Each structure stands twice: as structure tokens, then as C-alpha cells.
């Protein structure tokens, strides 16, 4: 290839994203606990909708996603005109970077924030700026200190991945109020459904003109394989994002399945309750083994070990037992393992395997 053919500045600074592993060589009966997936999969209503969608494979989907937007609006009490749907919430985050950041601009994310925030900034030639956290919790004061005249976007995951921690509504409101006038606060609510009573940022979006919230069907709804997400924000911002959204970015299968899923809130409530029960059990079981974790509000726990070597050794032991968890050195947490809260059997297997590991050291 000619030396004159070069990608845009920033793109070659992006390390290829590595998702959670799903296989272990030579090990059968593997339990995948590395990608924060719902162990119960999607609801029966969602499965039925997906099966019916096979009859529409030859049809182009709607370009406005009206039926799905209306369903989301009814369930969450939102204005459907201010909802945008995408290929996972990742696509909405990408739209925001494409529309509002570029060379010379800065995009703020937190110290242990989701890797896609930095990737999204670099992809459009903007400069990612990392704000430190306080004991693995978002620090609003640190973010405000990092802001300046070049700040265009501030990404906050609440609850955060991979720490599982979150900040309250008052702190989020203080952050939104303190941002420079040209900046947008993006509240990534991929795990919002796991927090009982949390609106994901709805009240803040509706009271201000500088806040956008995103959500996904990949976690509690069990539809990670279909890639469906959505965002909610001020009408002016949503109108901008729709200008760069592909007209057929979601298929009929995605739209119909997501609509059935969001209308089945009984299933969501059951998954939330079961996750909370087993998350508490797993965190307590690990703590008794000398493996602490912060209070998680998501569907995983961030297990903390003495150092990076112990974390890697425990990861190897778990893999040998067919238990795949996530090393998070890429998130600047080399002494930690992120463990998805699986079903009761999986959680008990994890606790037993960690006990074995600790007993051997």
C-alpha cells in the first residue's frame, strides 16, 4: 500500500478492543462470566418476537423506529420524539463523538471508565482526557477541574463498568451545572436497570439542555447478541444525531424483539431481584475468603487481590475450572478481576474455586 494512504490522526492510537473470552482450550462445560451477560437470556416474549421476525427478512425496516421508540417512551415515561435508537448504546456514543467532537477538542472520561469513550474520542481526532477517580468512584470535582474551553463531551457510566460503583443524583446534577457551556454530559446507563428506582438520568435530561442518557438491551434484557441500544436527550441534540444515523441501522428483527423485551417489565424485575440476591451472596462469599470488592450496583463484582500476580494466578485457576472471568488491567486495575453475577450454580462454583485457590497459596 502507498505510504501516502494514511488513516485520520488518532486512529492508529486506538488499541484493538478485546471482548470477554468465551472459550478455554481443552476445557469443556465452560461458564462465561466475562461479558456481564444476563445468565437467564431474554424473556419468552422477546424470544417469540424474534421467531416471528423471520417472516419479515425480505422487508426493509422502518427508518424512524417509531414503534420501538413509543414502547420505550411508555415504559419509562419519556417523550418518544427525543429518543434515538442505535446498534447498541455504543453507536449512540459514537454518534455523539462524530457530531460534537473533533481535532482540537477534548473528551473527558474517568480513570476506570469504559474503554469505548477513549476510542470514540480518538476515532474523530479529539483528545481524550482522563479524570482521576476516588477509590474507584467517579469524582465530580476531579472532572470539573479537568474541564476547559476545549471540552465538548464528558462521559460517565453510572453504575460504572468495570468498578460497579455509582454516584447519586445530587452529584450528577452538580456536574451538569458546573460544565462549561459548550460541553455535553453523557450518562451511560448500560447497567441502570439493575439499580432499583434509578431513572438513568431522565430527570436531569428533562431539566437541562446539556445532558444525554444512553441505555442498552444487551444487559438485563439479555439481547447482547442483537446489538440494540437507545439514547434520550434534548430535542436539538437528538435531531443532530439523527442526521448522521444510518436510515436502516436496525433490522426488523432487532426492532421487534427489543419492543417485546421492553414491554416485559415483569421479566426485568425478576432478573433485577435475582441479580441483587446473588451479587450480595457472591460479594460476601469472596470477602470471607479475603477477596474484597466495592459495593456493586451492576451485574458484576470487581474482586480485588493483593497484587497483579495474585489476580493473574487466580484467573488461571478459574479458567482451569472452566470459569471465565475478566482481567481488567486495560482499565488500570491489574490487581482486580471483574466477575459477572451468573446464576446461583455459577456463583457457587466461583466461590468454591476461589476458596481452592486461596487454600493452595
Protein backbone atom coordinates (compact mmCIF):
# COMPACT_ATOMS: atom_id res chain seq x y z
CA UNK A 1 0.00 0.00 0.00
CA UNK A 2 1.21 3.50 -0.80
CA UNK A 3 2.78 5.45 2.08
CA UNK A 4 0.52 8.31 1.06
CA UNK A 5 -2.58 6.36 2.15
CA UNK A 6 -2.95 7.10 5.84
CA UNK A 7 -5.80 6.99 8.34
CA UNK A 8 -7.02 10.11 10.11
CA UNK A 9 -4.98 11.32 13.10
CA UNK A 10 -5.79 9.47 16.31
CA UNK A 11 -6.99 6.23 14.74
CA UNK A 12 -3.64 4.44 14.97
CA UNK A 13 -3.52 5.32 18.68
CA UNK A 14 -6.51 3.05 19.24
CA UNK A 15 -5.67 -0.41 20.57
CA UNK A 16 -7.97 -3.08 19.17
CA UNK A 17 -10.80 -3.75 21.59
CA UNK A 18 -10.71 -7.22 23.15
CA UNK A 19 -14.05 -8.56 24.35
CA UNK A 20 -14.59 -11.08 27.10
CA UNK A 21 -13.30 -14.56 26.29
CA UNK A 22 -15.78 -17.39 25.82
CA UNK A 23 -13.57 -20.47 25.34
CA UNK A 24 -10.77 -22.21 27.24
CA UNK A 25 -8.58 -24.58 25.26
CA UNK A 26 -9.03 -28.15 26.41
CA UNK A 27 -11.83 -27.34 28.87
CA UNK A 28 -15.47 -28.28 28.31
CA UNK A 29 -18.55 -27.15 30.26
CA UNK A 30 -17.28 -23.59 30.33
CA UNK A 31 -19.19 -20.90 32.24
CA UNK A 32 -18.68 -17.47 30.69
CA UNK A 33 -18.62 -14.73 33.33
CA UNK A 34 -16.52 -12.22 31.40
CA UNK A 35 -19.02 -10.06 29.49
CA UNK A 36 -21.73 -9.16 32.04
CA UNK A 37 -24.42 -11.09 30.21
CA UNK A 38 -27.77 -11.99 31.73
CA UNK A 39 -27.48 -15.70 32.64
CA UNK A 40 -31.21 -16.14 32.01
CA UNK A 41 -31.08 -14.80 28.47
CA UNK A 42 -34.01 -12.83 27.02
CA UNK A 43 -37.63 -13.08 28.11
CA UNK A 44 -40.02 -15.53 26.46
CA UNK A 45 -41.88 -12.62 24.87
CA UNK A 46 -38.65 -11.40 23.29
CA UNK A 47 -37.81 -14.89 22.00
CA UNK A 48 -41.26 -15.21 20.44
CA UNK A 49 -40.95 -11.83 18.73
CA UNK A 50 -37.57 -12.81 17.30
CA UNK A 51 -39.00 -16.05 15.93
CA UNK A 52 -41.88 -14.19 14.23
CA UNK A 53 -39.47 -11.69 12.66
CA UNK A 54 -38.19 -14.38 10.28
CA UNK A 55 -41.22 -13.68 8.11
CA UNK A 56 -40.02 -10.11 7.50
CA UNK A 57 -36.42 -10.81 6.49
CA UNK A 58 -37.08 -9.62 2.94
CA UNK A 59 -38.50 -6.28 4.12
CA UNK A 60 -36.53 -3.15 4.88
CA UNK A 61 -37.13 -1.94 8.44
CA UNK A 62 -38.70 1.39 9.30
CA UNK A 63 -36.31 4.31 9.25
CA UNK A 64 -37.83 6.15 12.20
CA UNK A 65 -38.09 3.26 14.72
CA UNK A 66 -41.40 4.72 15.78
CA UNK A 67 -42.90 1.59 17.33
CA UNK A 68 -39.84 0.84 19.47
CA UNK A 69 -39.42 4.47 20.49
CA UNK A 70 -43.06 4.59 21.53
CA UNK A 71 -42.68 1.43 23.63
CA UNK A 72 -39.57 2.78 25.36
CA UNK A 73 -41.34 6.07 25.99
CA UNK A 74 -44.39 4.40 27.51
CA UNK A 75 -42.35 2.18 29.82
CA UNK A 76 -40.00 4.93 31.04
CA UNK A 77 -42.31 7.96 30.84
CA UNK A 78 -40.33 9.73 28.11
CA UNK A 79 -41.04 11.86 25.05
CA UNK A 80 -40.69 9.46 22.08
CA UNK A 81 -39.56 12.29 19.80
CA UNK A 82 -36.45 12.71 21.94
CA UNK A 83 -35.41 9.04 21.74
CA UNK A 84 -32.85 7.73 19.23
CA UNK A 85 -32.16 4.01 18.66
CA UNK A 86 -28.83 2.52 17.66
CA UNK A 87 -26.75 -0.59 17.19
CA UNK A 88 -26.14 -0.99 20.90
CA UNK A 89 -25.68 2.10 23.02
CA UNK A 90 -22.12 2.11 21.62
CA UNK A 91 -23.47 3.51 18.35
CA UNK A 92 -25.16 6.39 20.19
CA UNK A 93 -21.85 7.17 21.92
CA UNK A 94 -20.14 7.12 18.52
CA UNK A 95 -22.75 9.49 17.08
CA UNK A 96 -22.10 11.94 19.91
CA UNK A 97 -18.36 11.92 19.23
CA UNK A 98 -18.89 12.31 15.48
CA UNK A 99 -21.35 15.17 15.89
CA UNK A 100 -19.77 17.16 18.70
CA UNK A 101 -16.02 16.47 18.88
CA UNK A 102 -13.07 16.65 16.53
CA UNK A 103 -9.47 17.84 16.21
CA UNK A 104 -8.66 20.40 18.86
CA UNK A 105 -11.50 19.27 21.12
CA UNK A 106 -11.31 17.29 24.37
CA UNK A 107 -13.46 14.40 25.58
CA UNK A 108 -13.37 13.62 29.30
CA UNK A 109 -13.74 10.15 30.80
CA UNK A 110 -12.92 8.82 34.24
CA UNK A 111 -9.85 6.86 35.28
CA UNK A 112 -11.54 3.46 35.18
CA UNK A 113 -14.26 4.33 32.66
CA UNK A 114 -15.50 2.22 29.75
CA UNK A 115 -12.78 1.89 27.10
CA UNK A 116 -15.10 2.96 24.26
CA UNK A 117 -15.09 6.57 25.48
CA UNK A 118 -11.39 6.97 24.73
CA UNK A 119 -11.74 5.04 21.48
CA UNK A 120 -14.64 7.22 20.34
CA UNK A 121 -12.63 10.39 21.01
CA UNK A 122 -9.54 9.19 19.15
CA UNK A 123 -11.60 7.98 16.19
CA UNK A 124 -12.74 11.55 15.47
CA UNK A 125 -9.36 13.14 16.13
CA UNK A 126 -10.30 14.58 19.52
CA UNK A 127 -8.11 14.35 22.62
CA UNK A 128 -9.27 12.01 25.41
CA UNK A 129 -8.74 13.46 28.89
CA UNK A 130 -8.73 11.18 31.91
CA UNK A 131 -10.10 12.43 35.21
CA UNK A 132 -8.97 10.54 38.32
CA UNK A 133 -11.47 8.64 40.43
CA UNK A 134 -11.60 8.50 44.21
CA UNK A 135 -11.29 4.92 45.44
CA UNK A 136 -12.78 3.65 42.16
CA UNK A 137 -15.74 6.03 42.36
CA UNK A 138 -16.45 8.90 39.93
CA UNK A 139 -15.06 12.15 41.37
CA UNK A 140 -17.17 15.11 40.24
CA UNK A 141 -14.64 17.68 41.47
CA UNK A 142 -11.84 15.99 39.52
CA UNK A 143 -13.96 16.05 36.36
CA UNK A 144 -14.80 19.73 36.79
CA UNK A 145 -11.10 20.51 37.28
CA UNK A 146 -10.35 18.69 34.01
CA UNK A 147 -12.87 20.78 32.06
CA UNK A 148 -11.81 23.73 29.95
CA UNK A 149 -12.67 25.72 26.84
CA UNK A 150 -11.90 22.71 24.61
CA UNK A 151 -14.14 20.26 26.50
CA UNK A 152 -17.01 19.04 24.31
CA UNK A 153 -18.15 15.76 25.88
CA UNK A 154 -17.99 14.25 29.37
CA UNK A 155 -18.74 10.51 29.57
CA UNK A 156 -19.92 9.00 32.85
CA UNK A 157 -21.09 5.39 33.24
CA UNK A 158 -23.43 5.17 36.21
CA UNK A 159 -23.14 2.45 37.51
CA UNK A 160 -19.63 2.29 36.14
CA UNK A 161 -18.02 -0.58 34.27
CA UNK A 162 -15.78 -2.24 35.49
CA UNK A 163 -16.00 -0.94 39.07
CA UNK A 164 -19.75 -1.36 39.65
CA UNK A 165 -19.81 1.85 41.71
CA UNK A 166 -22.12 4.81 41.11
CA UNK A 167 -22.75 8.38 42.21
CA UNK A 168 -26.04 9.90 43.32
CA UNK A 169 -28.42 12.26 41.58
CA UNK A 170 -27.23 15.32 43.51
CA UNK A 171 -23.63 14.80 42.38
CA UNK A 172 -24.71 14.27 38.77
CA UNK A 173 -26.75 17.47 38.90
CA UNK A 174 -23.77 19.36 40.34
CA UNK A 175 -21.61 18.04 37.50
CA UNK A 176 -24.10 19.06 34.81
CA UNK A 177 -24.44 22.51 36.37
CA UNK A 178 -20.67 23.01 36.53
CA UNK A 179 -19.79 22.06 32.95
CA UNK A 180 -18.61 24.74 30.53
CA UNK A 181 -21.41 25.96 28.24
CA UNK A 182 -20.21 24.11 25.14
CA UNK A 183 -19.99 20.68 26.84
CA UNK A 184 -22.47 17.79 26.91
CA UNK A 185 -22.73 15.38 29.85
CA UNK A 186 -23.36 11.82 28.62
CA UNK A 187 -24.77 9.43 31.22
CA UNK A 188 -24.16 5.87 30.08
CA UNK A 189 -26.83 3.76 31.78
CA UNK A 190 -25.96 0.32 30.44
CA UNK A 191 -26.48 -1.06 33.96
CA UNK A 192 -29.17 1.37 35.11
CA UNK A 193 -31.89 -1.30 35.18
CA UNK A 194 -30.02 -3.15 37.90
CA UNK A 195 -30.49 -0.21 40.29
CA UNK A 196 -33.92 -0.24 41.87
CA UNK A 197 -35.61 3.15 41.49
CA UNK A 198 -32.86 4.79 39.40
CA UNK A 199 -34.14 6.75 36.39
CA UNK A 200 -30.83 6.55 34.50
CA UNK A 201 -30.67 10.34 34.28
CA UNK A 202 -34.19 11.05 32.97
CA UNK A 203 -34.93 13.89 35.40
CA UNK A 204 -31.59 15.53 34.68
CA UNK A 205 -32.09 15.28 30.90
CA UNK A 206 -35.51 16.86 31.17
CA UNK A 207 -34.42 19.69 33.45
CA UNK A 208 -31.36 20.74 31.46
CA UNK A 209 -30.23 21.23 27.87
CA UNK A 210 -26.76 19.71 28.19
CA UNK A 211 -27.39 16.10 29.27
CA UNK A 212 -27.90 12.94 27.19
CA UNK A 213 -28.58 9.48 28.64
CA UNK A 214 -27.97 6.15 26.90
CA UNK A 215 -29.32 2.67 27.62
CA UNK A 216 -28.89 -0.80 26.18
CA UNK A 217 -30.82 -4.03 25.63
CA UNK A 218 -27.58 -6.02 25.95
CA UNK A 219 -27.51 -6.45 29.72
CA UNK A 220 -30.64 -7.07 31.80
CA UNK A 221 -32.77 -7.70 28.69
CA UNK A 222 -30.41 -10.49 27.59
CA UNK A 223 -30.10 -9.31 23.98
CA UNK A 224 -26.35 -8.72 23.70
CA UNK A 225 -26.21 -10.76 20.50
CA UNK A 226 -28.71 -8.50 18.73
CA UNK A 227 -26.96 -5.18 19.46
CA UNK A 228 -29.74 -2.71 20.33
CA UNK A 229 -29.47 0.49 22.35
CA UNK A 230 -31.07 3.89 22.68
CA UNK A 231 -30.48 7.42 23.84
CA UNK A 232 -32.61 10.23 25.24
CA UNK A 233 -31.72 13.89 25.23
CA UNK A 234 -32.66 17.44 24.30
CA UNK A 235 -34.59 17.61 21.03
CA UNK A 236 -31.89 19.71 19.35
CA UNK A 237 -29.17 17.15 20.12
CA UNK A 238 -31.29 14.16 19.08
CA UNK A 239 -32.09 15.91 15.79
CA UNK A 240 -28.36 16.35 15.16
CA UNK A 241 -27.63 12.67 15.90
CA UNK A 242 -30.38 11.53 13.55
CA UNK A 243 -28.68 13.40 10.71
CA UNK A 244 -25.72 11.02 10.88
CA UNK A 245 -27.62 7.88 11.84
CA UNK A 246 -27.91 5.38 9.00
CA UNK A 247 -31.56 5.15 7.91
CA UNK A 248 -31.65 1.36 8.29
CA UNK A 249 -29.27 0.91 11.20
CA UNK A 250 -31.64 -1.51 12.99
CA UNK A 251 -33.30 -4.53 11.39
CA UNK A 252 -36.91 -5.66 11.81
CA UNK A 253 -35.61 -8.50 13.99
CA UNK A 254 -33.88 -6.05 16.32
CA UNK A 255 -36.78 -3.61 16.46
CA UNK A 256 -39.50 -6.20 17.09
CA UNK A 257 -37.50 -8.15 19.65
CA UNK A 258 -36.49 -5.04 21.58
CA UNK A 259 -40.08 -3.79 21.65
CA UNK A 260 -41.31 -7.09 23.11
CA UNK A 261 -38.45 -7.07 25.61
CA UNK A 262 -39.02 -3.56 26.94
CA UNK A 263 -42.74 -4.23 27.39
CA UNK A 264 -41.99 -7.27 29.56
CA UNK A 265 -41.05 -5.42 32.75
CA UNK A 266 -42.08 -8.35 34.94
CA UNK A 267 -39.13 -10.25 33.49
CA UNK A 268 -36.82 -7.28 34.15
CA UNK A 269 -37.98 -7.09 37.76
CA UNK A 270 -37.30 -10.80 38.30
CA UNK A 271 -33.82 -10.51 36.80
CA UNK A 272 -33.07 -7.43 38.93
CA UNK A 273 -34.12 -9.18 42.12
CA UNK A 274 -32.21 -12.38 41.38
CA UNK A 275 -29.10 -10.44 40.38
CA UNK A 276 -29.20 -8.44 43.62
CA UNK A 277 -29.59 -11.63 45.66
CA UNK A 278 -26.67 -13.45 44.06
CA UNK A 279 -24.49 -10.34 43.79
CA UNK A 280 -24.73 -9.88 47.56
CA UNK A 281 -24.08 -13.57 48.14
CA UNK A 282 -21.03 -13.64 45.86
CA UNK A 283 -19.51 -10.47 47.28
CA UNK A 284 -19.92 -11.78 50.84
CA UNK A 285 -18.51 -15.20 49.93
CA UNK A 286 -15.44 -13.64 48.30
CA UNK A 287 -14.93 -11.21 51.19
CA UNK A 288 -14.85 -14.12 53.64
CA UNK A 289 -12.03 -15.56 51.53
CA UNK A 290 -10.03 -12.33 51.77
CA UNK A 291 -11.09 -11.01 48.37
CA UNK A 292 -12.88 -7.66 48.91
CA UNK A 293 -14.95 -5.70 46.42
CA UNK A 294 -16.65 -2.32 46.39
CA UNK A 295 -20.43 -2.22 46.72
CA UNK A 296 -21.56 -3.02 43.19
CA UNK A 297 -24.81 -1.71 41.74
CA UNK A 298 -24.45 -3.64 38.46
CA UNK A 299 -24.45 -7.32 37.46
CA UNK A 300 -20.82 -7.98 38.33
CA UNK A 301 -18.38 -7.58 41.18
CA UNK A 302 -14.85 -6.24 40.92
CA UNK A 303 -12.82 -8.64 43.03
CA UNK A 304 -9.63 -7.10 44.43
CA UNK A 305 -6.49 -9.18 45.05
CA UNK A 306 -3.21 -8.39 46.77
CA UNK A 307 -1.41 -7.60 43.52
CA UNK A 308 -1.41 -8.24 39.79
CA UNK A 309 0.38 -11.56 40.14
CA UNK A 310 -2.24 -12.95 42.52
CA UNK A 311 -5.06 -11.74 40.27
CA UNK A 312 -3.48 -13.41 37.23
CA UNK A 313 -2.87 -16.63 39.15
CA UNK A 314 -6.48 -16.74 40.35
CA UNK A 315 -7.70 -16.07 36.82
CA UNK A 316 -5.64 -19.01 35.56
CA UNK A 317 -7.05 -21.25 38.30
CA UNK A 318 -10.62 -20.25 37.47
CA UNK A 319 -10.05 -20.92 33.79
CA UNK A 320 -8.72 -24.36 34.56
CA UNK A 321 -12.05 -24.97 36.32
CA UNK A 322 -13.96 -23.77 33.26
CA UNK A 323 -14.83 -20.37 34.77
CA UNK A 324 -14.03 -17.42 32.52
CA UNK A 325 -13.87 -14.01 34.22
CA UNK A 326 -12.36 -10.74 33.02
CA UNK A 327 -8.89 -9.40 33.71
CA UNK A 328 -9.11 -5.60 33.79
CA UNK A 329 -5.52 -4.41 33.56
CA UNK A 330 -6.61 -2.44 30.47
CA UNK A 331 -8.78 -0.39 32.82
CA UNK A 332 -5.77 0.33 35.06
CA UNK A 333 -6.92 -2.28 37.57
CA UNK A 334 -4.27 -5.01 37.19
CA UNK A 335 -4.87 -6.47 40.65
CA UNK A 336 -8.60 -7.00 40.02
CA UNK A 337 -10.88 -9.47 38.27
CA UNK A 338 -14.36 -8.50 37.09
CA UNK A 339 -16.75 -11.38 37.71
CA UNK A 340 -20.22 -11.40 36.16
CA UNK A 341 -23.00 -12.40 38.53
CA UNK A 342 -24.24 -15.62 36.96
CA UNK A 343 -27.00 -17.92 38.15
CA UNK A 344 -26.74 -19.50 41.59
CA UNK A 345 -24.83 -22.53 40.35
CA UNK A 346 -22.21 -20.35 38.61
CA UNK A 347 -21.76 -18.10 41.64
CA UNK A 348 -21.26 -21.08 43.93
CA UNK A 349 -18.72 -22.57 41.50
CA UNK A 350 -16.78 -19.30 41.51
CA UNK A 351 -16.71 -19.09 45.30
CA UNK A 352 -15.63 -22.72 45.58
CA UNK A 353 -12.85 -22.26 43.00
CA UNK A 354 -11.52 -19.09 44.70
CA UNK A 355 -11.55 -20.93 48.03
CA UNK A 356 -9.50 -23.70 46.43
CA UNK A 357 -7.09 -21.13 45.01
CA UNK A 358 -6.66 -19.37 48.34
CA UNK A 359 -6.13 -22.68 50.09
CA UNK A 360 -3.29 -23.60 47.73
CA UNK A 361 -1.28 -20.41 48.32
